[in-house]
Amino acid sequence: MQDVHTSRLRTRIAITRCLVALGAGVIAVACSDPSTAPQPRVSEALGSPAGIAGGKIFLGGGPWGVDVSNNGLVYVTQLGSGQVAVSSISAQTISAEIGVGTVPTGVVFAPNGRTAYVANQFDGTLGVIDVASGVQIATIPLPNGALPFAVAVSPDGNQIFIASNQTSVFVADAHTLAIVDAIPVDEAPNAFALSPNGKHFFVSSFAGATVTEFSIASHAVVRTYSTGGAPQGLTTNKKGNELYVVNESGYVTLFSTATGAILRILTLAAGGFGAAVTADDVHLYITEPDIGIVQIVNLQNRKMQGAINVGGQPRRVAFNSTGKVGVVANQDGYITFIK
């Protein structure tokens, strides 16, 4: 499964199937509040959270993936209930749940905030959500029985990149919703990062122990990074000169994107999973599901800075556009806002 994979693939599939069974018949379509419609982005100073976890916002269905739009709308996938929950940075409550496909994992907003895409893993489709109405309006079937794990959108909004359980990243045209390319990668691509200049995208292959960098325009390979272990979440800094790859084997690797050289390897307290960088390029947040914490790397000195105890099994993490508020999806049934 998207994120639900690693070297412990079979165990996680079994867990997710249990979640699906528990959530059978719960799928429902709900419309979002009109206030969640895309709004113009307001210019604010960039920063980082103080690193304080707020209260738990309880959410059923095994929260997994998360993304935040430029105007602060929050989408969280729910594995077991086949839904995407709707929240916001301002309200920090659940305002709606959108019915999607079976075992939704990755979710991402299009750059304009009007559309979102969700990996409906066990359906073998990519769901297309109209943000204004809060409804999944279309699905894109993946070829050859592929199951989607993660999803990313090109900065111009024209291409959708879909990681799957096969050795391919599929590319869909955002306008026609047709699959237009299949890019060979190492086994089990599971997470994406985009370069800030809009030219490249990166994909981690946890079973292949690599990260591959591609040209967004041509889909040609630019560089392959050897990570060892089981690479999961990854992200660049906002300058685009560094790449951070979180590893389920218990470390994070800092790479130079100019040369591909390893800048530093930092040991984590447990296996790492999700990753996100604050907008000011000061901190890297890393989720560690096995021990219920989010560790923080200070990117200025490239050292571990501390940890936030969120409990449960934190999965994906994302920040709002200013970087001052983080959102952590927790598989144990809640989300946490970090301020």
Protein backbone atom coordinates (compact mmCIF):
# COMPACT_ATOMS: atom_id res chain seq x y z
CA MET A 1 0.00 0.00 0.00
CA GLN A 2 1.05 3.47 -0.43
CA ASP A 3 2.40 4.24 2.77
CA VAL A 4 1.07 1.04 4.10
CA HIS A 5 4.08 -0.74 2.64
CA THR A 6 7.59 -1.39 3.71
CA SER A 7 9.65 -4.48 4.37
CA ARG A 8 6.70 -5.43 6.62
CA LEU A 9 4.36 -5.34 3.65
CA ARG A 10 2.26 -8.40 4.35
CA THR A 11 1.67 -7.46 7.98
CA ARG A 12 0.48 -3.99 7.06
CA ILE A 13 -1.82 -5.28 4.34
CA ALA A 14 -3.42 -7.57 6.91
CA ILE A 15 -3.87 -4.69 9.34
CA THR A 16 -5.43 -2.50 6.68
CA ARG A 17 -7.81 -5.24 5.57
CA CYS A 18 -9.03 -5.43 9.16
CA LEU A 19 -9.63 -1.70 9.07
CA VAL A 20 -11.56 -2.05 5.84
CA ALA A 21 -13.75 -4.75 7.33
CA LEU A 22 -14.46 -2.59 10.37
CA GLY A 23 -15.31 0.36 8.16
CA ALA A 24 -17.53 -1.46 5.67
CA GLY A 25 -20.68 0.43 4.86
CA VAL A 26 -19.48 3.60 6.52
CA ILE A 27 -18.57 5.46 3.33
CA ALA A 28 -20.63 8.61 2.92
CA VAL A 29 -20.43 11.67 0.75
CA ALA A 30 -20.59 15.02 2.48
CA CYS A 31 -20.31 18.50 1.05
CA SER A 32 -17.77 20.87 2.51
CA ASP A 33 -18.79 24.18 3.98
CA PRO A 34 -18.71 27.02 1.44
CA SER A 35 -16.05 28.68 3.58
CA THR A 36 -13.65 25.93 2.49
CA ALA A 37 -13.77 27.05 -1.13
CA PRO A 38 -10.38 28.16 -2.49
CA GLN A 39 -9.39 31.64 -1.37
CA PRO A 40 -6.58 33.92 -2.48
CA ARG A 41 -3.36 33.21 -0.65
CA VAL A 42 -2.50 35.86 1.93
CA SER A 43 1.14 36.87 2.20
CA GLU A 44 2.51 36.27 5.69
CA ALA A 45 5.93 35.93 7.24
CA LEU A 46 7.32 32.40 7.04
CA GLY A 47 8.22 30.52 10.19
CA SER A 48 8.17 27.30 12.21
CA PRO A 49 5.87 26.02 14.96
CA ALA A 50 6.97 26.36 18.54
CA GLY A 51 6.82 22.57 18.66
CA ILE A 52 3.81 22.26 20.94
CA ALA A 53 1.20 19.59 20.25
CA GLY A 54 -2.39 20.72 20.55
CA GLY A 55 -5.24 18.53 21.67
CA LYS A 56 -6.30 15.43 19.78
CA ILE A 57 -8.97 15.89 17.13
CA PHE A 58 -10.57 12.47 17.15
CA LEU A 59 -11.19 10.92 13.74
CA GLY A 60 -12.15 7.34 12.95
CA GLY A 61 -11.06 5.14 10.12
CA GLY A 62 -7.31 5.17 10.72
CA PRO A 63 -6.05 8.61 9.59
CA TRP A 64 -3.07 8.21 7.29
CA GLY A 65 -2.28 10.81 4.63
CA VAL A 66 -2.58 14.57 5.02
CA ASP A 67 -2.20 17.69 2.91
CA VAL A 68 -2.81 21.39 3.50
CA SER A 69 -3.87 23.76 0.74
CA ASN A 70 -2.45 27.25 0.33
CA ASN A 71 -5.50 28.76 2.00
CA GLY A 72 -5.31 26.41 5.00
CA LEU A 73 -7.81 23.70 4.10
CA VAL A 74 -6.77 20.31 5.52
CA TYR A 75 -7.56 16.91 3.97
CA VAL A 76 -6.87 13.69 5.89
CA THR A 77 -7.36 10.21 4.44
CA GLN A 78 -9.14 7.55 6.52
CA LEU A 79 -7.98 4.04 5.65
CA GLY A 80 -10.77 2.01 7.15
CA SER A 81 -13.80 4.13 6.30
CA GLY A 82 -13.04 5.05 2.69
CA GLN A 83 -13.23 8.76 3.38
CA VAL A 84 -11.26 11.98 3.33
CA ALA A 85 -11.88 14.17 6.38
CA VAL A 86 -12.04 17.94 5.99
CA SER A 87 -10.60 20.37 8.51
CA SER A 88 -8.80 23.70 8.43
CA ILE A 89 -5.83 25.40 10.04
CA SER A 90 -8.12 28.08 11.48
CA ALA A 91 -10.97 25.95 12.86
CA GLN A 92 -9.02 22.78 13.76
CA THR A 93 -12.21 20.71 13.84
CA ILE A 94 -13.65 18.13 11.45
CA SER A 95 -16.21 19.88 9.23
CA ALA A 96 -17.02 17.07 6.75
CA GLU A 97 -16.04 13.63 5.50
CA ILE A 98 -15.90 12.95 1.77
CA GLY A 99 -16.69 9.46 0.50
CA VAL A 100 -13.92 8.17 -1.77
CA GLY A 101 -12.62 4.67 -2.57
CA THR A 102 -11.39 1.73 -0.53
CA VAL A 103 -8.31 2.27 1.65
CA PRO A 104 -7.43 5.84 0.66
CA THR A 105 -3.82 6.56 1.50
CA GLY A 106 -2.08 9.50 -0.18
CA VAL A 107 -3.85 12.81 -0.80
CA VAL A 108 -2.71 16.06 -2.39
CA PHE A 109 -4.22 19.38 -3.42
CA ALA A 110 -3.68 20.75 -6.90
CA PRO A 111 -1.70 24.01 -6.84
CA ASN A 112 -4.83 26.10 -7.44
CA GLY A 113 -6.61 24.45 -4.49
CA ARG A 114 -9.76 23.72 -6.50
CA THR A 115 -9.08 20.01 -6.94
CA ALA A 116 -7.55 17.29 -4.78
CA TYR A 117 -6.42 13.79 -5.67
CA VAL A 118 -6.58 10.70 -3.47
CA ALA A 119 -4.98 7.28 -3.90
CA ASN A 120 -7.83 4.77 -3.52
CA GLN A 121 -5.46 1.91 -2.91
CA PHE A 122 -7.61 -1.20 -2.88
CA ASP A 123 -9.82 0.10 -5.70
CA GLY A 124 -6.82 0.57 -7.96
CA THR A 125 -7.92 4.10 -8.79
CA LEU A 126 -6.97 7.70 -8.26
CA GLY A 127 -9.92 9.73 -7.02
CA VAL A 128 -10.54 13.31 -8.15
CA ILE A 129 -12.20 15.55 -5.56
CA ASP A 130 -13.93 18.83 -6.35
CA VAL A 131 -12.96 20.93 -3.34
CA ALA A 132 -15.82 23.44 -3.57
CA SER A 133 -18.54 20.77 -3.43
CA GLY A 134 -16.61 18.26 -1.33
CA VAL A 135 -17.39 15.37 -3.68
CA GLN A 136 -15.24 12.79 -5.48
CA ILE A 137 -16.29 13.56 -9.04
CA ALA A 138 -14.16 11.11 -11.04
CA THR A 139 -11.71 8.24 -10.76
CA ILE A 140 -8.70 7.30 -12.86
CA PRO A 141 -8.15 3.52 -13.10
CA LEU A 142 -4.52 2.42 -12.95
CA PRO A 143 -3.42 -0.05 -15.64
CA ASN A 144 -2.32 -3.65 -15.18
CA GLY A 145 -3.98 -4.08 -11.80
CA ALA A 146 -1.69 -1.54 -10.12
CA LEU A 147 -2.65 -0.25 -6.67
CA PRO A 148 -1.87 3.42 -5.91
CA PHE A 149 0.18 4.36 -2.85
CA ALA A 150 1.00 8.06 -3.12
CA VAL A 151 0.21 11.00 -5.38
CA ALA A 152 1.83 14.31 -6.34
CA VAL A 153 0.94 17.10 -8.77
CA SER A 154 3.32 19.10 -10.96
CA PRO A 155 3.65 22.78 -9.98
CA ASP A 156 1.72 23.88 -13.08
CA GLY A 157 -1.11 21.49 -12.19
CA ASN A 158 -1.01 19.71 -15.56
CA GLN A 159 0.50 16.35 -14.52
CA ILE A 160 -0.42 13.94 -11.75
CA PHE A 161 2.22 11.47 -10.57
CA ILE A 162 0.97 8.24 -9.00
CA ALA A 163 3.16 5.78 -7.11
CA SER A 164 1.99 2.17 -7.08
CA ASN A 165 2.74 -1.33 -5.84
CA GLN A 166 4.51 -2.03 -9.13
CA THR A 167 7.81 -0.77 -10.47
CA SER A 168 6.24 2.25 -12.14
CA VAL A 169 5.18 5.79 -11.43
CA PHE A 170 2.13 6.49 -13.58
CA VAL A 171 1.54 9.92 -15.05
CA ALA A 172 -1.98 11.20 -15.65
CA ASP A 173 -3.06 14.25 -17.61
CA ALA A 174 -4.93 16.48 -15.17
CA HIS A 175 -7.22 17.76 -17.92
CA THR A 176 -8.20 14.55 -19.70
CA LEU A 177 -7.68 12.28 -16.64
CA ALA A 178 -5.98 9.75 -18.92
CA ILE A 179 -2.83 7.81 -18.02
CA VAL A 180 -0.20 9.12 -20.45
CA ASP A 181 3.04 7.54 -19.23
CA ALA A 182 4.52 4.87 -16.96
CA ILE A 183 7.97 5.73 -15.62
CA PRO A 184 10.14 2.77 -14.50
CA VAL A 185 11.41 3.00 -10.92
CA ASP A 186 12.69 0.64 -8.26
CA GLU A 187 10.24 -1.55 -6.39
CA ALA A 188 7.38 -0.08 -4.34
CA PRO A 189 7.54 3.68 -4.90
CA ASN A 190 5.87 5.16 -1.86
CA ALA A 191 6.36 8.92 -1.46
CA PHE A 192 7.08 12.01 -3.53
CA ALA A 193 8.84 15.35 -3.24
CA LEU A 194 8.94 18.19 -5.75
CA SER A 195 11.84 20.56 -6.32
CA PRO A 196 10.91 24.18 -5.50
CA ASN A 197 12.00 25.33 -8.98
CA GLY A 198 9.34 23.09 -10.51
CA LYS A 199 11.79 21.15 -12.69
CA HIS A 200 12.23 17.83 -10.87
CA PHE A 201 10.38 15.33 -8.74
CA PHE A 202 11.75 12.69 -6.41
CA VAL A 203 10.24 9.33 -5.51
CA SER A 204 11.33 6.91 -2.77
CA SER A 205 11.21 3.15 -3.40
CA PHE A 206 11.18 1.51 0.00
CA ALA A 207 11.74 -2.01 -1.28
CA GLY A 208 14.44 -0.84 -3.69
CA ALA A 209 16.32 1.25 -1.09
CA THR A 210 16.64 4.16 -3.51
CA VAL A 211 15.29 7.58 -4.34
CA THR A 212 15.05 8.50 -8.02
CA GLU A 213 15.04 12.08 -9.31
CA PHE A 214 13.18 12.76 -12.57
CA SER A 215 12.64 15.65 -14.91
CA ILE A 216 9.04 16.83 -14.68
CA ALA A 217 9.10 17.93 -18.33
CA SER A 218 10.66 14.85 -19.95
CA HIS A 219 10.27 12.16 -17.24
CA ALA A 220 13.93 11.28 -17.77
CA VAL A 221 16.06 10.12 -14.84
CA VAL A 222 18.28 12.87 -13.46
CA ARG A 223 19.92 11.00 -10.59
CA THR A 224 19.48 7.96 -8.35
CA TYR A 225 20.25 8.29 -4.64
CA SER A 226 21.19 5.15 -2.70
CA THR A 227 19.66 5.26 0.75
CA GLY A 228 19.87 1.71 2.04
CA GLY A 229 17.23 0.47 4.44
CA ALA A 230 13.60 1.26 3.64
CA PRO A 231 13.20 4.89 2.51
CA GLN A 232 9.78 6.38 3.17
CA GLY A 233 8.85 10.07 3.38
CA LEU A 234 11.08 12.62 1.70
CA THR A 235 11.19 16.34 1.08
CA THR A 236 13.51 19.06 -0.14
CA ASN A 237 14.25 22.26 1.66
CA LYS A 238 12.63 25.38 0.21
CA LYS A 239 15.90 26.46 -1.40
CA GLY A 240 15.96 23.15 -3.26
CA ASN A 241 19.63 22.46 -2.65
CA GLU A 242 19.06 19.69 -0.12
CA LEU A 243 16.98 16.50 -0.08
CA TYR A 244 15.94 14.74 3.13
CA VAL A 245 15.00 11.06 3.04
CA VAL A 246 13.41 9.48 6.11
CA ASN A 247 14.15 5.81 6.56
CA GLU A 248 12.07 3.17 8.29
CA SER A 249 15.32 1.52 9.26
CA GLY A 250 15.88 4.25 11.83
CA TYR A 251 17.71 7.19 10.25
CA VAL A 252 17.36 10.20 7.99
CA THR A 253 19.79 10.96 5.17
CA LEU A 254 20.57 14.51 4.08
CA PHE A 255 21.67 14.78 0.44
CA SER A 256 22.98 17.56 -1.77
CA THR A 257 20.72 17.86 -4.82
CA ALA A 258 23.56 19.52 -6.76
CA THR A 259 25.95 16.57 -6.48
CA GLY A 260 23.93 13.71 -4.95
CA ALA A 261 26.48 13.51 -2.13
CA ILE A 262 25.47 12.57 1.40
CA LEU A 263 25.76 15.59 3.67
CA ARG A 264 24.87 13.83 6.91
CA ILE A 265 23.10 10.77 8.29
CA LEU A 266 21.23 11.26 11.56
CA THR A 267 20.03 8.42 13.77
CA LEU A 268 16.36 8.46 14.75
CA ALA A 269 14.81 7.13 17.93
CA ALA A 270 12.79 4.63 15.84
CA GLY A 271 11.80 3.93 12.26
CA GLY A 272 10.93 7.11 10.38
CA PHE A 273 7.91 7.49 8.13
CA GLY A 274 6.52 10.93 7.24
CA ALA A 275 8.57 14.05 6.54
CA ALA A 276 7.92 17.77 6.09
CA VAL A 277 10.03 20.94 6.17
CA THR A 278 8.86 24.22 7.65
CA ALA A 279 8.49 27.12 5.23
CA ASP A 280 11.43 29.01 6.74
CA ASP A 281 13.81 26.07 6.07
CA VAL A 282 14.70 25.85 9.75
CA HIS A 283 13.16 22.52 10.81
CA LEU A 284 12.48 19.06 9.43
CA TYR A 285 9.68 17.13 11.14
CA ILE A 286 9.79 13.31 11.07
CA THR A 287 7.03 10.98 12.25
CA GLU A 288 7.95 7.72 14.01
CA PRO A 289 4.88 5.47 14.26
CA ASP A 290 6.43 2.74 16.40
CA ILE A 291 6.95 5.01 19.40
CA GLY A 292 4.40 7.78 18.84
CA ILE A 293 6.68 10.76 18.42
CA VAL A 294 7.60 13.44 15.91
CA GLN A 295 11.32 14.17 15.91
CA ILE A 296 12.67 17.55 14.84
CA VAL A 297 15.89 18.18 12.94
CA ASN A 298 17.46 21.64 13.08
CA LEU A 299 18.46 22.18 9.45
CA GLN A 300 20.73 25.09 10.26
CA ASN A 301 23.19 22.93 12.20
CA ARG A 302 21.99 19.55 10.85
CA LYS A 303 21.46 18.13 14.32
CA MET A 304 18.53 16.54 16.15
CA GLN A 305 16.74 19.22 18.14
CA GLY A 306 14.01 17.45 20.06
CA ALA A 307 10.81 15.43 19.87
CA ILE A 308 7.08 15.95 20.28
CA ASN A 309 5.10 13.17 21.94
CA VAL A 310 1.86 12.79 19.95
CA GLY A 311 1.21 9.18 20.96
CA GLY A 312 -0.41 6.54 18.78
CA GLN A 313 0.99 5.87 15.31
CA PRO A 314 1.77 9.18 13.59
CA ARG A 315 1.92 8.77 9.81
CA ARG A 316 2.06 11.69 7.38
CA VAL A 317 2.77 15.27 8.41
CA ALA A 318 2.19 18.55 6.56
CA PHE A 319 2.50 22.28 7.22
CA ASN A 320 0.40 25.25 6.25
CA SER A 321 1.85 27.70 3.73
CA THR A 322 3.57 29.85 6.35
CA GLY A 323 5.07 26.83 8.13
CA LYS A 324 3.76 27.93 11.51
CA VAL A 325 1.21 25.13 11.98
CA GLY A 326 1.77 21.44 11.37
CA VAL A 327 -0.80 18.66 11.02
CA VAL A 328 -0.07 15.02 11.88
CA ALA A 329 -2.38 12.18 10.79
CA ASN A 330 -2.42 9.45 13.41
CA GLN A 331 -3.50 5.92 12.54
CA ASP A 332 -4.75 5.41 16.09
CA GLY A 333 -7.79 7.59 15.39
CA TYR A 334 -6.97 11.28 15.61
CA ILE A 335 -5.08 14.18 14.13
CA THR A 336 -2.78 16.57 15.97
CA PHE A 337 -2.17 20.22 15.19
CA ILE A 338 1.33 21.35 16.14
CA LYS A 339 1.79 25.01 16.95
